[in-house]
Each structure stands twice: as structure tokens, then as C-alpha cells.
Amino acid sequence: MLKFIQYQINDDTEAQQVLEKQVSAGIAKNINGNIAAFREHIPSLVEIIDSHQVQQYSLFCTKEQQLNIVDFSTGRAFYGVNPQQDVSEELAQYFKAASYFSLMDADGHTWRRRPLPNSVDVMLVFGMGLGYHLTELISNCRIRFLVVYEPNLDMLMCSVQTHDWSMLLDTARALGTHIFIQAGSDASGITSELAELLQFDANLRDIYVYRHQFHPVMDEVINYLMENSGDLDKLTKAKPLFAGYQHALDYVPEHAPNTAAVYQEKKLNDSQAEKKFAANMEALQRFYPEIYQSMLVYQPANWFLVEDHNGQANVFHRRRQAFLYSDLEVESREISDYFISHPFKDDVVISQKGGGKLWKYLHFDIIENLNPVMETVLEKQTRLPSRKLILY
């Protein structure tokens, strides 16, 4: 699925407004009910919610009349066009192969996985999203301590507007599940928090990990937990510093494929791959010799070419356990089809409105003259023409 807002909303502005109006009543109802539920079960969250000002993430309504989250600084949507389906598929993978680490037993494995048991003592959830996964987790597994880390309070606000926290918290109380919402925390204090859990029960052993969101620091925390499984001192007494994955080449979208980390890396077995590589290298040598020379000595460091669940070529971040594509063929086709139908929509370059101190430069002068022409074109034509105009 294409996870940008322009792919998920209705092209017809009036129709989109109708959809938004239809879901607005439900949002208001959720907010009132959830505030009351928090006041009863987790009163400390009420003040946080009341005083918070949205900074980065907010809700939007998809053309399928479903609520989703958008990063309004980039236009990237958190889920695909059907968030509940995304969560269901993610949970199905996790139930079959749940990640966990041990406080006591070391066996040399970095990532441990097993089918999720009927009951667990502790589950750490990294990322709140809309919150759908939280209800499903406590409904399908008896969890004593459920700890939810959400570093961005905007996400909490989105969940408050969409999810039924009253039902979630009432169910948790009935099942004996203690929920700890670590609002605004990226889990960098994990060792101290695990030590506190041991004060509740000194016999705790296996801790289950459910990642719902990729996050630069939380991903590093998860790797630390997995790599130090069985080492009680490093898990509860050490004070590691988590800098997070900050390099641009380590960037992963918040809800990229393989959040559940169930993929077992598989080398791409494509009989045509070597021929394609040789042909492409020959083309680079002819047309881009500098790139060709770089490619001769290049060794992957962040992203690796693999065969994914679909048997297709994909690119995989080994440390963060993330795919670049959900389905390479489908996404490529959808992007092409969208561009053919919307060649001028949301173009950042042509929509710039002046350059401030830079207004006198040629670029902004041309853009200012081009905008009226583009507006006229948009009125007459919104589809890519069949004839090509080649600029030399």
C-alpha cells in the first residue's frame, strides 16, 4: 500500500469533506469517553492530554472512510488505506512468531521467537499508533504487565480520538492486566524499568516484545534487549546510552513492513540477477563512469538485497529488521498509475510561493511566472498526455 496521504484521500475535495464530516461525530464521542476512562483508570494521562499541543502527527480520513495518521511535515501516512487490516496482518504474524528475551537464561540466540503462549508475565509494546493492536493483544493473550512505550504524544492523541480506551481498560481490569503507558518515552531507560518490574515479581524470566512502530531509539533498545538476553546485569543494572539510528541511510518509515521482525533473511535466488547486474554495470561504465568506479568497490552496509515473503526482490535493513517495500510490483504499478492520473498534483517545486530574501533569484522568478500557467493546465488537464514533450 502507498503510505502517503495524497494516495489515500478522495480526489474530489467535496466528497472528501463529506467523509470527514461523517467521521467527526465519532471522534468527538471517542474523546469524551476516553477522557472519562483515563480519569478512572490512569488519571495521570488526563493532564497530559489536556495540555498537549499537536506538533507532527494528526488524524485524517481515508477515501475508504477509515481514520489514519499522517506526519504533516512529510505527508507520509502511518498505515495503508485500511489501518485495521494492517494491524490484523501484523498481529497474525506476531502470534505465530513472537519475539522475546530472557532475564535469566542465555542460549546464544540474538532474536528468539516462538508462538505466543496463552499467557505471559510481561509484554513490552513499542509504539501506540491508533491503539488497535493493544485491545487485540490482551484479548488473545493473558498478560500480567503490559508496558506501552510511545515517544511522541501526538500518537497518543490520535489514539484517544479513534480507539475505544474505555473498553480496553475495562477488559484489562477484568483480566487482571496491569497497563503502564510510558507516554513521551523512547524506552531509553529500559534497564531501570526492568529492574522495577522485578520488584513486583523476582521470578520473572521471559519478556515478550511487540514492535508496532519503527523508531530510531526504540529499535536500538530492542536490539540491546535481544543481544543481551540472559544477562541479568546488562538488562537491569547497566546504564547504556542509546543514540539511536540517526544517519540518513538508516532511515525507516514509522510503520514499514516487518514490524513484527518475523522475516528470516533469504538470499535472492534470481537466475537473471547476474545478467541484469552485468548489463547495468556496462551501461554505467559507458554513460556514468564515476558511478561505475564507485560500484566496483561498493559493499552494502545498511540495506541488503534479499528475497522477501512474496518471493520478490526487496531491500532489507538488517539491524532494524525492516523492508523497503511491502510488495515491489504492486507499489511500483500503483505509483506509476497515480502519476499518470495526477501528474501535477502536490508538486512541491511549482507550488512554492516566493523565496523571501531569495525572491530575486531566477528560480523563484520563473516559478512565479509558471504558477498561473500551471493553474490553467490543471483546469483543463489532470491526466498525463499520451504525446511526449521532450526538452533539450
Protein backbone atom coordinates (compact mmCIF):
# COMPACT_ATOMS: atom_id res chain seq x y z
CA MET A 1 0.00 0.00 0.00
CA LEU A 2 1.14 3.55 -0.74
CA LYS A 3 1.71 5.30 2.54
CA PHE A 4 1.37 8.94 1.53
CA ILE A 5 -1.73 10.97 2.23
CA GLN A 6 -2.31 12.02 -1.41
CA TYR A 7 -2.74 8.35 -2.39
CA GLN A 8 -5.30 7.70 0.34
CA ILE A 9 -7.74 10.62 0.17
CA ASN A 10 -10.53 11.27 -2.32
CA ASP A 11 -9.61 13.29 -5.42
CA ASP A 12 -12.95 15.03 -5.18
CA THR A 13 -12.50 17.71 -2.49
CA GLU A 14 -16.20 17.97 -1.73
CA ALA A 15 -16.58 14.18 -1.43
CA GLN A 16 -13.57 14.13 0.91
CA GLN A 17 -15.14 16.81 3.09
CA VAL A 18 -18.34 14.76 3.32
CA LEU A 19 -16.34 11.74 4.54
CA GLU A 20 -14.55 13.86 7.14
CA LYS A 21 -17.84 15.26 8.41
CA GLN A 22 -19.27 11.76 8.78
CA VAL A 23 -16.40 10.57 10.99
CA SER A 24 -16.14 13.77 13.07
CA ALA A 25 -19.04 12.85 15.37
CA GLY A 26 -17.38 9.55 16.23
CA ILE A 27 -14.11 11.33 17.04
CA ALA A 28 -15.84 13.70 19.47
CA LYS A 29 -17.60 10.77 21.15
CA ASN A 30 -14.33 8.83 21.49
CA ILE A 31 -12.53 11.78 23.07
CA ASN A 32 -15.19 12.29 25.75
CA GLY A 33 -15.46 8.58 26.55
CA ASN A 34 -11.73 8.04 26.63
CA ILE A 35 -11.02 11.03 28.87
CA ALA A 36 -13.55 9.62 31.34
CA ALA A 37 -11.88 6.19 31.13
CA PHE A 38 -8.42 7.63 31.73
CA ARG A 39 -9.72 9.65 34.66
CA GLU A 40 -10.88 6.38 36.24
CA HIS A 41 -8.00 4.07 35.30
CA ILE A 42 -4.92 6.22 34.51
CA PRO A 43 -5.60 9.75 35.84
CA SER A 44 -2.03 10.90 35.17
CA LEU A 45 -2.76 10.84 31.42
CA VAL A 46 -5.65 13.30 31.63
CA GLU A 47 -3.46 16.32 32.33
CA ILE A 48 -1.02 15.26 29.60
CA ILE A 49 -3.84 15.04 27.07
CA ASP A 50 -5.46 18.31 28.15
CA SER A 51 -2.23 20.30 27.88
CA HIS A 52 -0.75 18.75 24.74
CA GLN A 53 -0.41 20.73 21.51
CA VAL A 54 -0.06 18.71 18.29
CA GLN A 55 3.40 19.03 16.74
CA GLN A 56 3.87 16.46 13.99
CA TYR A 57 1.16 13.80 13.66
CA SER A 58 -2.58 14.18 13.21
CA LEU A 59 -5.60 12.22 12.01
CA PHE A 60 -7.05 12.18 8.54
CA CYS A 61 -9.91 10.29 6.91
CA THR A 62 -9.08 7.98 4.00
CA LYS A 63 -11.28 7.58 0.92
CA GLU A 64 -12.35 4.26 2.48
CA GLN A 65 -13.75 6.29 5.41
CA GLN A 66 -11.13 4.97 7.81
CA LEU A 67 -9.05 7.07 10.16
CA ASN A 68 -5.31 7.11 9.66
CA ILE A 69 -2.32 9.08 10.96
CA VAL A 70 -0.28 11.48 8.85
CA ASP A 71 3.07 13.11 9.52
CA PHE A 72 2.09 16.55 8.23
CA SER A 73 5.74 17.58 7.85
CA THR A 74 6.29 14.92 5.17
CA GLY A 75 2.80 13.82 4.08
CA ARG A 76 3.62 10.21 4.97
CA ALA A 77 0.73 8.13 6.30
CA PHE A 78 1.38 5.73 9.18
CA TYR A 79 -0.80 2.90 7.83
CA GLY A 80 -2.04 1.84 4.42
CA VAL A 81 -5.57 2.63 3.24
CA ASN A 82 -7.02 0.07 5.69
CA PRO A 83 -5.33 0.51 9.11
CA GLN A 84 -7.33 -2.21 10.85
CA GLN A 85 -6.37 -4.72 8.17
CA ASP A 86 -2.71 -3.69 8.50
CA VAL A 87 -2.86 -4.31 12.24
CA SER A 88 -4.64 -7.67 11.82
CA GLU A 89 -1.97 -8.90 9.39
CA GLU A 90 0.79 -7.70 11.70
CA LEU A 91 -0.77 -9.46 14.70
CA ALA A 92 -1.24 -12.69 12.75
CA GLN A 93 2.50 -12.75 12.07
CA TYR A 94 3.32 -11.98 15.69
CA PHE A 95 1.03 -14.65 17.14
CA LYS A 96 2.91 -17.25 15.08
CA ALA A 97 6.40 -16.00 15.97
CA ALA A 98 6.50 -13.69 18.97
CA SER A 99 9.85 -12.07 19.79
CA TYR A 100 11.08 -12.38 23.37
CA PHE A 101 14.20 -12.23 25.53
CA SER A 102 15.07 -13.81 28.86
CA LEU A 103 16.17 -12.18 32.07
CA MET A 104 17.85 -15.36 33.25
CA ASP A 105 18.55 -17.91 30.51
CA ALA A 106 21.24 -17.30 27.90
CA ASP A 107 21.34 -19.55 24.85
CA GLY A 108 23.38 -17.52 22.35
CA HIS A 109 20.46 -16.57 20.10
CA THR A 110 20.13 -12.88 19.18
CA TRP A 111 16.46 -12.97 18.20
CA ARG A 112 14.28 -15.52 19.97
CA ARG A 113 10.85 -16.28 18.56
CA ARG A 114 8.08 -18.71 19.44
CA PRO A 115 4.30 -18.91 19.03
CA LEU A 116 2.74 -16.53 21.52
CA PRO A 117 1.67 -18.50 24.63
CA ASN A 118 -1.82 -18.25 26.10
CA SER A 119 -0.41 -16.23 28.99
CA VAL A 120 2.74 -14.17 29.57
CA ASP A 121 4.07 -12.24 32.52
CA VAL A 122 5.40 -9.17 30.71
CA MET A 123 4.94 -7.71 27.24
CA LEU A 124 6.73 -4.58 26.09
CA VAL A 125 4.91 -2.78 23.28
CA PHE A 126 6.90 -0.25 21.26
CA GLY A 127 4.59 2.24 19.57
CA MET A 128 0.93 3.08 20.08
CA GLY A 129 -0.31 4.04 16.63
CA LEU A 130 -4.11 4.09 16.73
CA GLY A 131 -4.12 1.53 19.53
CA TYR A 132 -5.99 -1.27 17.76
CA HIS A 133 -3.22 -3.78 18.49
CA LEU A 134 -3.44 -3.22 22.25
CA THR A 135 -7.02 -4.50 22.52
CA GLU A 136 -6.21 -7.49 20.32
CA LEU A 137 -3.15 -8.38 22.37
CA ILE A 138 -4.93 -8.50 25.73
CA SER A 139 -7.92 -10.27 24.16
CA ASN A 140 -5.80 -13.07 22.72
CA CYS A 141 -3.22 -13.50 25.48
CA ARG A 142 -3.46 -13.22 29.27
CA ILE A 143 -0.81 -10.57 30.05
CA ARG A 144 0.08 -9.64 33.62
CA PHE A 145 2.11 -6.49 32.85
CA LEU A 146 1.63 -4.63 29.58
CA VAL A 147 4.10 -1.76 29.16
CA VAL A 148 3.46 0.57 26.21
CA TYR A 149 6.18 2.95 25.04
CA GLU A 150 5.12 5.90 22.90
CA PRO A 151 7.75 8.61 22.43
CA ASN A 152 5.50 11.06 20.58
CA LEU A 153 2.47 12.41 22.42
CA ASP A 154 0.81 13.21 19.09
CA MET A 155 0.36 9.46 18.64
CA LEU A 156 -1.38 9.22 22.00
CA MET A 157 -3.73 12.00 20.93
CA CYS A 158 -4.53 10.19 17.67
CA SER A 159 -5.33 7.03 19.60
CA VAL A 160 -7.56 8.93 22.04
CA GLN A 161 -9.59 10.21 19.08
CA THR A 162 -10.04 6.83 17.39
CA HIS A 163 -9.74 3.87 19.75
CA ASP A 164 -12.13 2.70 22.47
CA TRP A 165 -9.88 3.01 25.52
CA SER A 166 -12.82 2.56 27.85
CA MET A 167 -13.37 -0.98 26.58
CA LEU A 168 -9.62 -1.65 26.53
CA LEU A 169 -9.07 -0.56 30.14
CA ASP A 170 -12.22 -2.29 31.42
CA THR A 171 -11.13 -5.52 29.70
CA ALA A 172 -7.64 -5.19 31.14
CA ARG A 173 -9.04 -4.78 34.66
CA ALA A 174 -11.33 -7.79 34.24
CA LEU A 175 -8.44 -9.97 33.02
CA GLY A 176 -6.01 -8.76 35.67
CA THR A 177 -3.74 -6.99 33.17
CA HIS A 178 -1.76 -4.05 34.55
CA ILE A 179 -1.21 -1.46 31.81
CA PHE A 180 1.61 1.06 32.06
CA ILE A 181 1.53 3.83 29.43
CA GLN A 182 5.00 5.33 29.08
CA ALA A 183 3.84 8.47 27.30
CA GLY A 184 6.68 10.52 25.85
CA SER A 185 9.24 7.77 26.50
CA ASP A 186 11.52 6.23 23.86
CA ALA A 187 12.39 3.37 26.26
CA SER A 188 15.97 4.57 26.74
CA GLY A 189 15.56 3.94 30.49
CA ILE A 190 14.63 0.30 29.88
CA THR A 191 17.15 -1.26 32.29
CA SER A 192 15.82 0.71 35.27
CA GLU A 193 12.26 -0.15 34.29
CA LEU A 194 13.04 -3.86 34.04
CA ALA A 195 14.61 -3.67 37.49
CA GLU A 196 11.37 -2.11 38.80
CA LEU A 197 9.33 -4.94 37.27
CA LEU A 198 11.49 -7.44 39.14
CA GLN A 199 10.46 -5.73 42.35
CA PHE A 200 6.87 -6.75 41.57
CA ASP A 201 7.94 -10.33 40.87
CA ALA A 202 11.52 -11.52 41.35
CA ASN A 203 10.77 -14.71 39.39
CA LEU A 204 10.13 -13.01 36.06
CA ARG A 205 12.01 -14.67 33.20
CA ASP A 206 10.77 -14.28 29.64
CA ILE A 207 9.82 -10.80 28.43
CA TYR A 208 7.87 -10.53 25.17
CA VAL A 209 8.46 -7.69 22.73
CA TYR A 210 5.86 -6.34 20.31
CA ARG A 211 7.07 -3.61 17.97
CA HIS A 212 4.31 -1.62 16.30
CA GLN A 213 6.46 1.29 15.20
CA PHE A 214 9.99 1.74 13.92
CA HIS A 215 11.75 4.43 15.91
CA PRO A 216 15.47 5.38 15.86
CA VAL A 217 15.96 4.91 19.61
CA MET A 218 13.39 2.21 20.34
CA ASP A 219 14.85 0.00 17.62
CA GLU A 220 18.27 0.31 19.22
CA VAL A 221 16.74 -0.55 22.60
CA ILE A 222 15.10 -3.66 21.16
CA ASN A 223 18.42 -4.79 19.66
CA TYR A 224 20.10 -4.27 23.03
CA LEU A 225 17.49 -6.41 24.78
CA MET A 226 17.77 -9.20 22.23
CA GLU A 227 21.56 -9.19 22.14
CA ASN A 228 21.83 -9.34 25.93
CA SER A 229 19.16 -11.97 26.52
CA GLY A 230 20.00 -13.94 29.65
CA ASP A 231 22.44 -11.38 31.06
CA LEU A 232 20.59 -10.05 34.11
CA ASP A 233 23.25 -7.45 34.96
CA LYS A 234 23.20 -5.85 31.49
CA LEU A 235 19.41 -5.96 31.36
CA THR A 236 18.73 -4.49 34.81
CA LYS A 237 21.88 -2.86 36.20
CA ALA A 238 23.79 -1.37 33.26
CA LYS A 239 23.15 2.21 32.12
CA PRO A 240 23.54 2.05 28.33
CA LEU A 241 23.35 5.22 26.26
CA PHE A 242 21.10 4.92 23.23
CA ALA A 243 21.99 7.42 20.50
CA GLY A 244 19.53 5.89 18.03
CA TYR A 245 19.78 5.36 14.30
CA GLN A 246 20.36 8.94 13.17
CA HIS A 247 22.18 8.51 9.85
CA ALA A 248 20.10 9.24 6.76
CA LEU A 249 20.94 5.81 5.34
CA ASP A 250 19.38 4.20 8.43
CA TYR A 251 16.02 5.93 7.94
CA VAL A 252 12.99 3.64 8.14
CA PRO A 253 9.34 4.81 7.94
CA GLU A 254 7.38 4.50 11.19
CA HIS A 255 5.33 1.53 10.04
CA ALA A 256 7.48 -0.16 7.40
CA PRO A 257 7.00 -3.87 6.55
CA ASN A 258 8.23 -6.46 9.09
CA THR A 259 7.49 -4.56 12.31
CA ALA A 260 6.98 -7.96 13.96
CA ALA A 261 10.54 -8.93 12.94
CA VAL A 262 9.43 -12.37 11.77
CA TYR A 263 11.37 -12.40 8.50
CA GLN A 264 14.22 -14.89 8.24
CA GLU A 265 16.73 -13.42 5.81
CA LYS A 266 16.92 -15.22 2.48
CA LYS A 267 19.37 -14.53 -0.33
CA LEU A 268 17.76 -13.50 -3.61
CA ASN A 269 17.77 -16.52 -5.93
CA ASP A 270 17.18 -14.91 -9.32
CA SER A 271 18.79 -16.61 -12.30
CA GLN A 272 18.60 -13.35 -14.23
CA ALA A 273 20.10 -11.18 -11.48
CA GLU A 274 23.73 -11.63 -12.52
CA LYS A 275 22.91 -10.90 -16.16
CA LYS A 276 21.00 -7.77 -15.15
CA PHE A 277 23.88 -6.65 -12.96
CA ALA A 278 26.45 -7.17 -15.71
CA ALA A 279 24.31 -5.30 -18.26
CA ASN A 280 23.70 -2.41 -15.86
CA MET A 281 27.38 -2.15 -14.96
CA GLU A 282 28.22 -1.99 -18.66
CA ALA A 283 25.71 0.84 -19.12
CA LEU A 284 27.13 2.72 -16.14
CA GLN A 285 30.64 2.34 -17.50
CA ARG A 286 29.53 3.91 -20.78
CA PHE A 287 27.35 6.73 -19.52
CA TYR A 288 28.35 7.33 -15.86
CA PRO A 289 31.98 6.17 -15.43
CA GLU A 290 32.35 7.78 -11.98
CA ILE A 291 29.37 5.84 -10.63
CA TYR A 292 30.74 2.71 -12.30
CA GLN A 293 34.06 3.08 -10.46
CA SER A 294 32.24 3.55 -7.16
CA MET A 295 30.12 0.47 -7.76
CA LEU A 296 33.21 -1.68 -8.37
CA VAL A 297 34.32 -1.29 -4.75
CA TYR A 298 30.92 -0.78 -3.07
CA GLN A 299 29.94 -3.08 -0.18
CA PRO A 300 26.43 -2.87 1.35
CA ALA A 301 26.45 -1.56 4.90
CA ASN A 302 22.85 -0.66 5.71
CA TRP A 303 20.45 -2.19 3.19
CA PHE A 304 20.82 -5.63 1.61
CA LEU A 305 19.19 -7.20 -1.43
CA VAL A 306 17.06 -10.18 -0.36
CA GLU A 307 14.12 -12.33 -1.36
CA ASP A 308 11.08 -11.36 0.70
CA HIS A 309 7.92 -13.20 1.82
CA ASN A 310 6.41 -12.74 -1.63
CA GLY A 311 9.39 -14.31 -3.37
CA GLN A 312 10.25 -10.91 -4.83
CA ALA A 313 13.39 -8.81 -4.74
CA ASN A 314 13.38 -6.42 -1.81
CA VAL A 315 15.81 -4.32 0.21
CA PHE A 316 16.25 -5.20 3.87
CA HIS A 317 17.78 -3.22 6.75
CA ARG A 318 19.49 -5.95 8.71
CA ARG A 319 19.93 -4.09 12.01
CA ARG A 320 16.44 -2.56 12.12
CA GLN A 321 14.74 -5.64 10.61
CA ALA A 322 12.81 -3.51 8.10
CA PHE A 323 11.86 -3.89 4.43
CA LEU A 324 11.82 -1.02 1.97
CA TYR A 325 8.78 -2.39 0.08
CA SER A 326 5.63 -4.25 1.06
CA ASP A 327 5.13 -5.52 -2.48
CA LEU A 328 7.57 -4.17 -5.06
CA GLU A 329 5.49 -4.95 -8.15
CA VAL A 330 2.19 -3.67 -6.76
CA GLU A 331 3.64 -0.49 -5.29
CA SER A 332 5.59 0.35 -8.44
CA ARG A 333 2.46 -0.10 -10.56
CA GLU A 334 0.32 1.99 -8.18
CA ILE A 335 2.84 4.83 -8.12
CA SER A 336 3.01 4.87 -11.93
CA ASP A 337 -0.78 4.75 -12.29
CA TYR A 338 -1.22 7.56 -9.77
CA PHE A 339 1.28 9.78 -11.56
CA ILE A 340 -0.40 9.18 -14.92
CA SER A 341 -3.73 10.27 -13.42
CA HIS A 342 -2.31 13.11 -11.27
CA PRO A 343 0.83 14.43 -12.98
CA PHE A 344 0.55 17.92 -11.50
CA LYS A 345 -0.85 17.19 -8.07
CA ASP A 346 1.11 18.22 -4.95
CA ASP A 347 4.20 19.27 -6.83
CA VAL A 348 6.41 20.92 -4.20
CA VAL A 349 8.56 22.79 -6.72
CA ILE A 350 5.81 24.53 -8.65
CA SER A 351 3.74 25.28 -5.55
CA GLN A 352 6.42 27.39 -3.87
CA LYS A 353 5.15 30.84 -3.00
CA GLY A 354 8.08 33.22 -3.25
CA GLY A 355 11.58 32.89 -1.87
CA GLY A 356 11.68 35.53 0.84
CA LYS A 357 15.15 37.03 0.72
CA LEU A 358 15.82 34.84 -2.32
CA TRP A 359 12.89 36.18 -4.37
CA LYS A 360 15.21 37.98 -6.84
CA TYR A 361 16.86 34.75 -8.00
CA LEU A 362 15.95 33.25 -11.38
CA HIS A 363 14.39 30.10 -9.89
CA PHE A 364 11.73 31.96 -7.93
CA ASP A 365 11.14 34.43 -10.75
CA ILE A 366 10.40 31.53 -13.13
CA ILE A 367 8.19 29.79 -10.56
CA GLU A 368 6.15 32.98 -10.09
CA ASN A 369 5.55 33.20 -13.85
CA LEU A 370 4.90 29.47 -14.15
CA ASN A 371 2.19 29.19 -11.47
CA PRO A 372 -0.61 30.90 -13.48
CA VAL A 373 0.19 28.64 -16.43
CA MET A 374 0.07 25.55 -14.23
CA GLU A 375 -3.26 26.60 -12.73
CA THR A 376 -4.70 26.92 -16.24
CA VAL A 377 -3.34 23.49 -17.17
CA LEU A 378 -4.86 21.94 -14.05
CA GLU A 379 -8.28 23.30 -15.03
CA LYS A 380 -8.06 21.75 -18.49
CA GLN A 381 -5.98 18.64 -17.97
CA THR A 382 -5.39 16.42 -14.95
CA ARG A 383 -4.05 13.35 -16.72
CA LEU A 384 -0.66 12.70 -18.27
CA PRO A 385 -0.93 13.24 -22.06
CA SER A 386 -0.24 10.38 -24.44
CA ARG A 387 2.08 12.58 -26.51
CA LYS A 388 5.53 13.31 -25.09
CA LEU A 389 7.21 16.71 -24.97
CA ILE A 390 10.99 16.33 -24.95
CA LEU A 391 13.04 19.24 -23.64
CA TYR A 392 16.64 19.55 -24.80
